[in-house]
Amino acid sequence: KQVNEEIIRDFIHSGAPIKSIILRYFNPIGA
């Protein structure tokens, strides 16, 4: 998860024409 966040940031920082919203979940439960 950490590395993926870094990959997204590095790719966008390189000038990629995209946006990203990173959602850091805590503990999903239920139905």
PDB file of all heavy atoms in Angstrom:
ATOM      1  N   LYS A   1       0.837  -1.205   0.000  1.00  0.00           N
ATOM      2  CA  LYS A   1       0.000   0.000   0.000  1.00  0.00           C
ATOM      3  C   LYS A   1       0.873   1.257   0.000  1.00  0.00           C
ATOM      4  O   LYS A   1       0.602   2.216  -0.725  1.00  0.00           O
ATOM      5  CB  LYS A   1      -0.950  -0.010   1.202  1.00  0.00           C
ATOM      6  CG  LYS A   1      -2.021  -1.093   1.138  1.00  0.00           C
ATOM      7  CD  LYS A   1      -2.922  -0.941  -0.076  1.00  0.00           C
ATOM      8  CE  LYS A   1      -4.028  -1.971  -0.126  1.00  0.00           C
ATOM      9  NZ  LYS A   1      -4.807  -1.930  -1.369  1.00  0.00           N
ATOM     10  N   GLN A   2       1.927   1.247   0.821  1.00  0.00           N
ATOM     11  CA  GLN A   2       2.839   2.390   0.843  1.00  0.00           C
ATOM     12  C   GLN A   2       3.482   2.609  -0.520  1.00  0.00           C
ATOM     13  O   GLN A   2       3.519   3.735  -1.044  1.00  0.00           O
ATOM     14  CB  GLN A   2       3.949   2.163   1.876  1.00  0.00           C
ATOM     15  CG  GLN A   2       3.487   2.238   3.308  1.00  0.00           C
ATOM     16  CD  GLN A   2       4.653   2.134   4.287  1.00  0.00           C
ATOM     17  OE1 GLN A   2       5.809   2.280   3.901  1.00  0.00           O
ATOM     18  NE2 GLN A   2       4.352   1.878   5.532  1.00  0.00           N
ATOM     19  N   VAL A   3       4.002   1.535  -1.097  1.00  0.00           N
ATOM     20  CA  VAL A   3       4.697   1.640  -2.387  1.00  0.00           C
ATOM     21  C   VAL A   3       3.724   2.081  -3.478  1.00  0.00           C
ATOM     22  O   VAL A   3       4.055   2.922  -4.334  1.00  0.00           O
ATOM     23  CB  VAL A   3       5.390   0.310  -2.753  1.00  0.00           C
ATOM     24  CG1 VAL A   3       5.986   0.371  -4.154  1.00  0.00           C
ATOM     25  CG2 VAL A   3       6.476  -0.017  -1.735  1.00  0.00           C
ATOM     26  N   ASN A   4       2.507   1.557  -3.462  1.00  0.00           N
ATOM     27  CA  ASN A   4       1.519   1.955  -4.460  1.00  0.00           C
ATOM     28  C   ASN A   4       1.206   3.450  -4.366  1.00  0.00           C
ATOM     29  O   ASN A   4       1.047   4.130  -5.383  1.00  0.00           O
ATOM     30  CB  ASN A   4       0.238   1.131  -4.317  1.00  0.00           C
ATOM     31  CG  ASN A   4       0.312  -0.164  -5.095  1.00  0.00           C
ATOM     32  OD1 ASN A   4       1.087  -0.302  -6.029  1.00  0.00           O
ATOM     33  ND2 ASN A   4      -0.504  -1.133  -4.716  1.00  0.00           N
ATOM     34  N   GLU A   5       1.088   3.953  -3.145  1.00  0.00           N
ATOM     35  CA  GLU A   5       0.861   5.393  -2.982  1.00  0.00           C
ATOM     36  C   GLU A   5       2.023   6.189  -3.586  1.00  0.00           C
ATOM     37  O   GLU A   5       1.820   7.208  -4.252  1.00  0.00           O
ATOM     38  CB  GLU A   5       0.704   5.747  -1.503  1.00  0.00           C
ATOM     39  CG  GLU A   5      -0.616   5.291  -0.902  1.00  0.00           C
ATOM     40  CD  GLU A   5      -0.868   5.914   0.469  1.00  0.00           C
ATOM     41  OE1 GLU A   5      -0.122   6.847   0.844  1.00  0.00           O
ATOM     42  OE2 GLU A   5      -1.819   5.487   1.149  1.00  0.00           O
ATOM     43  N   GLU A   6       3.254   5.712  -3.356  1.00  0.00           N
ATOM     44  CA  GLU A   6       4.434   6.391  -3.909  1.00  0.00           C
ATOM     45  C   GLU A   6       4.437   6.326  -5.438  1.00  0.00           C
ATOM     46  O   GLU A   6       4.798   7.301  -6.110  1.00  0.00           O
ATOM     47  CB  GLU A   6       5.710   5.752  -3.350  1.00  0.00           C
ATOM     48  CG  GLU A   6       5.928   6.034  -1.875  1.00  0.00           C
ATOM     49  CD  GLU A   6       6.998   5.144  -1.256  1.00  0.00           C
ATOM     50  OE1 GLU A   6       7.671   4.405  -2.005  1.00  0.00           O
ATOM     51  OE2 GLU A   6       7.145   5.192  -0.027  1.00  0.00           O
ATOM     52  N   ILE A   7       4.038   5.178  -5.981  1.00  0.00           N
ATOM     53  CA  ILE A   7       3.978   5.023  -7.444  1.00  0.00           C
ATOM     54  C   ILE A   7       3.001   6.041  -8.037  1.00  0.00           C
ATOM     55  O   ILE A   7       3.294   6.706  -9.039  1.00  0.00           O
ATOM     56  CB  ILE A   7       3.567   3.582  -7.824  1.00  0.00           C
ATOM     57  CG1 ILE A   7       4.708   2.605  -7.525  1.00  0.00           C
ATOM     58  CG2 ILE A   7       3.171   3.496  -9.304  1.00  0.00           C
ATOM     59  CD1 ILE A   7       4.303   1.140  -7.601  1.00  0.00           C
ATOM     60  N   ILE A   8       1.834   6.170  -7.422  1.00  0.00           N
ATOM     61  CA  ILE A   8       0.831   7.133  -7.909  1.00  0.00           C
ATOM     62  C   ILE A   8       1.391   8.551  -7.866  1.00  0.00           C
ATOM     63  O   ILE A   8       1.314   9.303  -8.845  1.00  0.00           O
ATOM     64  CB  ILE A   8      -0.463   7.032  -7.072  1.00  0.00           C
ATOM     65  CG1 ILE A   8      -1.204   5.728  -7.384  1.00  0.00           C
ATOM     66  CG2 ILE A   8      -1.382   8.228  -7.346  1.00  0.00           C
ATOM     67  CD1 ILE A   8      -2.332   5.399  -6.429  1.00  0.00           C
ATOM     68  N   ARG A   9       1.990   8.918  -6.731  1.00  0.00           N
ATOM     69  CA  ARG A   9       2.535  10.275  -6.597  1.00  0.00           C
ATOM     70  C   ARG A   9       3.656  10.536  -7.597  1.00  0.00           C
ATOM     71  O   ARG A   9       3.704  11.587  -8.243  1.00  0.00           O
ATOM     72  CB  ARG A   9       3.032  10.504  -5.157  1.00  0.00           C
ATOM     73  CG  ARG A   9       1.926  10.879  -4.182  1.00  0.00           C
ATOM     74  CD  ARG A   9       2.508  11.438  -2.896  1.00  0.00           C
ATOM     75  NE  ARG A   9       3.235  10.414  -2.165  1.00  0.00           N
ATOM     76  CZ  ARG A   9       2.706   9.684  -1.180  1.00  0.00           C
ATOM     77  NH1 ARG A   9       1.456   9.867  -0.823  1.00  0.00           N
ATOM     78  NH2 ARG A   9       3.424   8.772  -0.563  1.00  0.00           N
ATOM     79  N   ASP A  10       4.561   9.567  -7.733  1.00  0.00           N
ATOM     80  CA  ASP A  10       5.689   9.743  -8.663  1.00  0.00           C
ATOM     81  C   ASP A  10       5.208   9.868 -10.102  1.00  0.00           C
ATOM     82  O   ASP A  10       5.744  10.674 -10.882  1.00  0.00           O
ATOM     83  CB  ASP A  10       6.667   8.562  -8.536  1.00  0.00           C
ATOM     84  CG  ASP A  10       7.454   8.580  -7.231  1.00  0.00           C
ATOM     85  OD1 ASP A  10       7.439   9.623  -6.543  1.00  0.00           O
ATOM     86  OD2 ASP A  10       8.065   7.550  -6.894  1.00  0.00           O
ATOM     87  N   PHE A  11       4.205   9.069 -10.464  1.00  0.00           N
ATOM     88  CA  PHE A  11       3.697   9.090 -11.840  1.00  0.00           C
ATOM     89  C   PHE A  11       3.046  10.435 -12.143  1.00  0.00           C
ATOM     90  O   PHE A  11       3.294  11.048 -13.187  1.00  0.00           O
ATOM     91  CB  PHE A  11       2.704   7.944 -12.042  1.00  0.00           C
ATOM     92  CG  PHE A  11       2.233   7.788 -13.462  1.00  0.00           C
ATOM     93  CD1 PHE A  11       3.138   7.671 -14.507  1.00  0.00           C
ATOM     94  CD2 PHE A  11       0.878   7.748 -13.754  1.00  0.00           C
ATOM     95  CE1 PHE A  11       2.707   7.522 -15.822  1.00  0.00           C
ATOM     96  CE2 PHE A  11       0.434   7.599 -15.059  1.00  0.00           C
ATOM     97  CZ  PHE A  11       1.351   7.484 -16.097  1.00  0.00           C
ATOM     98  N   ILE A  12       2.240  10.917 -11.206  1.00  0.00           N
ATOM     99  CA  ILE A  12       1.568  12.204 -11.419  1.00  0.00           C
ATOM    100  C   ILE A  12       2.586  13.345 -11.402  1.00  0.00           C
ATOM    101  O   ILE A  12       2.518  14.278 -12.212  1.00  0.00           O
ATOM    102  CB  ILE A  12       0.440  12.391 -10.384  1.00  0.00           C
ATOM    103  CG1 ILE A  12      -0.707  11.411 -10.718  1.00  0.00           C
ATOM    104  CG2 ILE A  12      -0.072  13.829 -10.366  1.00  0.00           C
ATOM    105  CD1 ILE A  12      -1.837  11.373  -9.724  1.00  0.00           C
ATOM    106  N   HIS A  13       3.563  13.247 -10.509  1.00  0.00           N
ATOM    107  CA  HIS A  13       4.619  14.269 -10.424  1.00  0.00           C
ATOM    108  C   HIS A  13       5.442  14.329 -11.728  1.00  0.00           C
ATOM    109  O   HIS A  13       5.954  15.390 -12.099  1.00  0.00           O
ATOM    110  CB  HIS A  13       5.539  13.981  -9.235  1.00  0.00           C
ATOM    111  CG  HIS A  13       6.623  14.995  -9.045  1.00  0.00           C
ATOM    112  ND1 HIS A  13       6.364  16.294  -8.628  1.00  0.00           N
ATOM    113  CD2 HIS A  13       7.971  14.923  -9.226  1.00  0.00           C
ATOM    114  CE1 HIS A  13       7.503  16.968  -8.564  1.00  0.00           C
ATOM    115  NE2 HIS A  13       8.496  16.163  -8.917  1.00  0.00           N
ATOM    116  N   SER A  14       5.514  13.202 -12.424  1.00  0.00           N
ATOM    117  CA  SER A  14       6.279  13.168 -13.680  1.00  0.00           C
ATOM    118  C   SER A  14       5.563  13.906 -14.814  1.00  0.00           C
ATOM    119  O   SER A  14       6.114  14.063 -15.900  1.00  0.00           O
ATOM    120  CB  SER A  14       6.519  11.709 -14.106  1.00  0.00           C
ATOM    121  OG  SER A  14       5.335  11.138 -14.649  1.00  0.00           O
ATOM    122  N   GLY A  15       4.326  14.336 -14.543  1.00  0.00           N
ATOM    123  CA  GLY A  15       3.577  15.072 -15.560  1.00  0.00           C
ATOM    124  C   GLY A  15       2.428  14.301 -16.163  1.00  0.00           C
ATOM    125  O   GLY A  15       1.779  14.774 -17.102  1.00  0.00           O
ATOM    126  N   ALA A  16       2.137  13.106 -15.646  1.00  0.00           N
ATOM    127  CA  ALA A  16       1.020  12.312 -16.176  1.00  0.00           C
ATOM    128  C   ALA A  16      -0.291  13.102 -16.037  1.00  0.00           C
ATOM    129  O   ALA A  16      -0.545  13.692 -14.984  1.00  0.00           O
ATOM    130  CB  ALA A  16       0.910  10.987 -15.424  1.00  0.00           C
ATOM    131  N   PRO A  17      -1.122  13.111 -17.073  1.00  0.00           N
ATOM    132  CA  PRO A  17      -2.326  13.958 -17.081  1.00  0.00           C
ATOM    133  C   PRO A  17      -3.502  13.299 -16.354  1.00  0.00           C
ATOM    134  O   PRO A  17      -4.595  13.156 -16.906  1.00  0.00           O
ATOM    135  CB  PRO A  17      -2.608  14.113 -18.578  1.00  0.00           C
ATOM    136  CG  PRO A  17      -2.141  12.802 -19.158  1.00  0.00           C
ATOM    137  CD  PRO A  17      -0.940  12.386 -18.340  1.00  0.00           C
ATOM    138  N   ILE A  18      -3.263  12.882 -15.126  1.00  0.00           N
ATOM    139  CA  ILE A  18      -4.329  12.226 -14.366  1.00  0.00           C
ATOM    140  C   ILE A  18      -4.373  12.808 -12.959  1.00  0.00           C
ATOM    141  O   ILE A  18      -3.455  13.473 -12.510  1.00  0.00           O
ATOM    142  CB  ILE A  18      -4.133  10.696 -14.287  1.00  0.00           C
ATOM    143  CG1 ILE A  18      -2.877  10.350 -13.481  1.00  0.00           C
ATOM    144  CG2 ILE A  18      -4.092  10.069 -15.677  1.00  0.00           C
ATOM    145  CD1 ILE A  18      -2.766   8.879 -13.111  1.00  0.00           C
ATOM    146  N   LYS A  19      -5.500  12.509 -12.275  1.00  0.00           N
ATOM    147  CA  LYS A  19      -5.654  12.861 -10.863  1.00  0.00           C
ATOM    148  C   LYS A  19      -5.845  11.576 -10.065  1.00  0.00           C
ATOM    149  O   LYS A  19      -6.253  10.549 -10.613  1.00  0.00           O
ATOM    150  CB  LYS A  19      -6.874  13.757 -10.661  1.00  0.00           C
ATOM    151  CG  LYS A  19      -6.682  15.181 -11.113  1.00  0.00           C
ATOM    152  CD  LYS A  19      -7.823  16.051 -10.607  1.00  0.00           C
ATOM    153  CE  LYS A  19      -7.346  17.495 -10.458  1.00  0.00           C
ATOM    154  NZ  LYS A  19      -8.258  18.304  -9.669  1.00  0.00           N
ATOM    155  N   SER A  20      -5.606  11.679  -8.760  1.00  0.00           N
ATOM    156  CA  SER A  20      -5.860  10.515  -7.914  1.00  0.00           C
ATOM    157  C   SER A  20      -6.354  10.957  -6.543  1.00  0.00           C
ATOM    158  O   SER A  20      -5.881  11.957  -5.986  1.00  0.00           O
ATOM    159  CB  SER A  20      -4.599   9.674  -7.749  1.00  0.00           C
ATOM    160  OG  SER A  20      -4.876   8.546  -6.936  1.00  0.00           O
ATOM    161  N   ILE A  21      -7.305  10.210  -6.031  1.00  0.00           N
ATOM    162  CA  ILE A  21      -7.703  10.346  -4.628  1.00  0.00           C
ATOM    163  C   ILE A  21      -7.366   9.030  -3.948  1.00  0.00           C
ATOM    164  O   ILE A  21      -7.806   7.958  -4.382  1.00  0.00           O
ATOM    165  CB  ILE A  21      -9.192  10.698  -4.467  1.00  0.00           C
ATOM    166  CG1 ILE A  21      -9.444  12.116  -5.003  1.00  0.00           C
ATOM    167  CG2 ILE A  21      -9.614  10.588  -3.002  1.00  0.00           C
ATOM    168  CD1 ILE A  21     -10.876  12.602  -4.886  1.00  0.00           C
ATOM    169  N   ILE A  22      -6.538   9.122  -2.919  1.00  0.00           N
ATOM    170  CA  ILE A  22      -6.100   7.945  -2.161  1.00  0.00           C
ATOM    171  C   ILE A  22      -6.936   7.880  -0.894  1.00  0.00           C
ATOM    172  O   ILE A  22      -6.949   8.835  -0.104  1.00  0.00           O
ATOM    173  CB  ILE A  22      -4.594   8.045  -1.840  1.00  0.00           C
ATOM    174  CG1 ILE A  22      -3.764   7.950  -3.133  1.00  0.00           C
ATOM    175  CG2 ILE A  22      -4.183   6.959  -0.843  1.00  0.00           C
ATOM    176  CD1 ILE A  22      -2.290   8.308  -2.963  1.00  0.00           C
ATOM    177  N   LEU A  23      -7.644   6.773  -0.708  1.00  0.00           N
ATOM    178  CA  LEU A  23      -8.497   6.596   0.468  1.00  0.00           C
ATOM    179  C   LEU A  23      -7.853   5.578   1.399  1.00  0.00           C
ATOM    180  O   LEU A  23      -7.686   4.414   1.034  1.00  0.00           O
ATOM    181  CB  LEU A  23      -9.890   6.129   0.045  1.00  0.00           C
ATOM    182  CG  LEU A  23     -10.645   7.083  -0.899  1.00  0.00           C
ATOM    183  CD1 LEU A  23     -11.985   6.479  -1.306  1.00  0.00           C
ATOM    184  CD2 LEU A  23     -10.845   8.460  -0.264  1.00  0.00           C
ATOM    185  N   ARG A  24      -7.467   6.029   2.570  1.00  0.00           N
ATOM    186  CA  ARG A  24      -6.846   5.131   3.554  1.00  0.00           C
ATOM    187  C   ARG A  24      -7.930   4.615   4.502  1.00  0.00           C
ATOM    188  O   ARG A  24      -8.396   5.335   5.383  1.00  0.00           O
ATOM    189  CB  ARG A  24      -5.754   5.877   4.326  1.00  0.00           C
ATOM    190  CG  ARG A  24      -4.530   6.212   3.466  1.00  0.00           C
ATOM    191  CD  ARG A  24      -3.531   7.062   4.234  1.00  0.00           C
ATOM    192  NE  ARG A  24      -2.324   7.305   3.428  1.00  0.00           N
ATOM    193  CZ  ARG A  24      -1.412   8.225   3.713  1.00  0.00           C
ATOM    194  NH1 ARG A  24      -1.551   8.997   4.795  1.00  0.00           N
ATOM    195  NH2 ARG A  24      -0.347   8.382   2.940  1.00  0.00           N
ATOM    196  N   TYR A  25      -8.315   3.359   4.282  1.00  0.00           N
ATOM    197  CA  TYR A  25      -9.373   2.764   5.103  1.00  0.00           C
ATOM    198  C   TYR A  25      -8.816   2.346   6.454  1.00  0.00           C
ATOM    199  O   TYR A  25      -7.681   1.898   6.557  1.00  0.00           O
ATOM    200  CB  TYR A  25      -9.941   1.477   4.507  1.00  0.00           C
ATOM    201  CG  TYR A  25     -10.270   1.469   3.056  1.00  0.00           C
ATOM    202  CD1 TYR A  25     -10.305   0.259   2.378  1.00  0.00           C
ATOM    203  CD2 TYR A  25     -10.564   2.622   2.363  1.00  0.00           C
ATOM    204  CE1 TYR A  25     -10.614   0.208   1.036  1.00  0.00           C
ATOM    205  CE2 TYR A  25     -10.870   2.575   1.020  1.00  0.00           C
ATOM    206  CZ  TYR A  25     -10.890   1.375   0.354  1.00  0.00           C
ATOM    207  OH  TYR A  25     -11.200   1.314  -0.973  1.00  0.00           O
ATOM    208  N   PHE A  26      -9.718   2.396   7.428  1.00  0.00           N
ATOM    209  CA  PHE A  26      -9.391   1.752   8.686  1.00  0.00           C
ATOM    210  C   PHE A  26      -9.963   0.324   8.598  1.00  0.00           C
ATOM    211  O   PHE A  26      -9.567  -0.401   7.693  1.00  0.00           O
ATOM    212  CB  PHE A  26      -9.826   2.654   9.849  1.00  0.00           C
ATOM    213  CG  PHE A  26      -8.787   3.748  10.055  1.00  0.00           C
ATOM    214  CD1 PHE A  26      -8.581   4.728   9.085  1.00  0.00           C
ATOM    215  CD2 PHE A  26      -7.946   3.727  11.137  1.00  0.00           C
ATOM    216  CE1 PHE A  26      -7.580   5.683   9.218  1.00  0.00           C
ATOM    217  CE2 PHE A  26      -6.934   4.676  11.286  1.00  0.00           C
ATOM    218  CZ  PHE A  26      -6.764   5.647  10.329  1.00  0.00           C
ATOM    219  N   ASN A  27     -10.875  -0.133   9.388  1.00  0.00           N
ATOM    220  CA  ASN A  27     -11.252  -1.563   9.338  1.00  0.00           C
ATOM    221  C   ASN A  27     -12.700  -1.754   8.897  1.00  0.00           C
ATOM    222  O   ASN A  27     -13.610  -1.669   9.726  1.00  0.00           O
ATOM    223  CB  ASN A  27     -11.019  -2.220  10.706  1.00  0.00           C
ATOM    224  CG  ASN A  27      -9.535  -2.385  10.987  1.00  0.00           C
ATOM    225  OD1 ASN A  27      -8.847  -1.411  11.256  1.00  0.00           O
ATOM    226  ND2 ASN A  27      -9.045  -3.599  10.896  1.00  0.00           N
ATOM    227  N   PRO A  28     -12.916  -2.030   7.607  1.00  0.00           N
ATOM    228  CA  PRO A  28     -14.286  -2.189   7.105  1.00  0.00           C
ATOM    229  C   PRO A  28     -14.919  -3.493   7.595  1.00  0.00           C
ATOM    230  O   PRO A  28     -14.298  -4.556   7.527  1.00  0.00           O
ATOM    231  CB  PRO A  28     -14.122  -2.221   5.583  1.00  0.00           C
ATOM    232  CG  PRO A  28     -12.704  -1.812   5.315  1.00  0.00           C
ATOM    233  CD  PRO A  28     -11.927  -2.147   6.532  1.00  0.00           C
ATOM    234  N   ILE A  29     -16.142  -3.392   8.074  1.00  0.00           N
ATOM    235  CA  ILE A  29     -16.892  -4.579   8.522  1.00  0.00           C
ATOM    236  C   ILE A  29     -18.361  -4.407   8.157  1.00  0.00           C
ATOM    237  O   ILE A  29     -18.787  -3.352   7.708  1.00  0.00           O
ATOM    238  CB  ILE A  29     -16.749  -4.837  10.044  1.00  0.00           C
ATOM    239  CG1 ILE A  29     -17.319  -3.664  10.850  1.00  0.00           C
ATOM    240  CG2 ILE A  29     -15.300  -5.102  10.418  1.00  0.00           C
ATOM    241  CD1 ILE A  29     -17.447  -3.945  12.344  1.00  0.00           C
ATOM    242  N   GLY A  30     -19.148  -5.470   8.379  1.00  0.00           N
ATOM    243  CA  GLY A  30     -20.587  -5.404   8.133  1.00  0.00           C
ATOM    244  C   GLY A  30     -20.950  -5.848   6.734  1.00  0.00           C
ATOM    245  O   GLY A  30     -20.123  -6.363   5.978  1.00  0.00           O
ATOM    246  N   ALA A  31     -22.219  -5.624   6.387  1.00  0.00           N
ATOM    247  CA  ALA A  31     -22.752  -6.066   5.097  1.00  0.00           C
ATOM    248  C   ALA A  31     -23.851  -5.116   4.666  1.00  0.00           C
ATOM    249  O   ALA A  31     -24.313  -4.279   5.448  1.00  0.00           O
ATOM    250  CB  ALA A  31     -23.293  -7.491   5.220  1.00  0.00           C
TER     251      ALA A  31
END
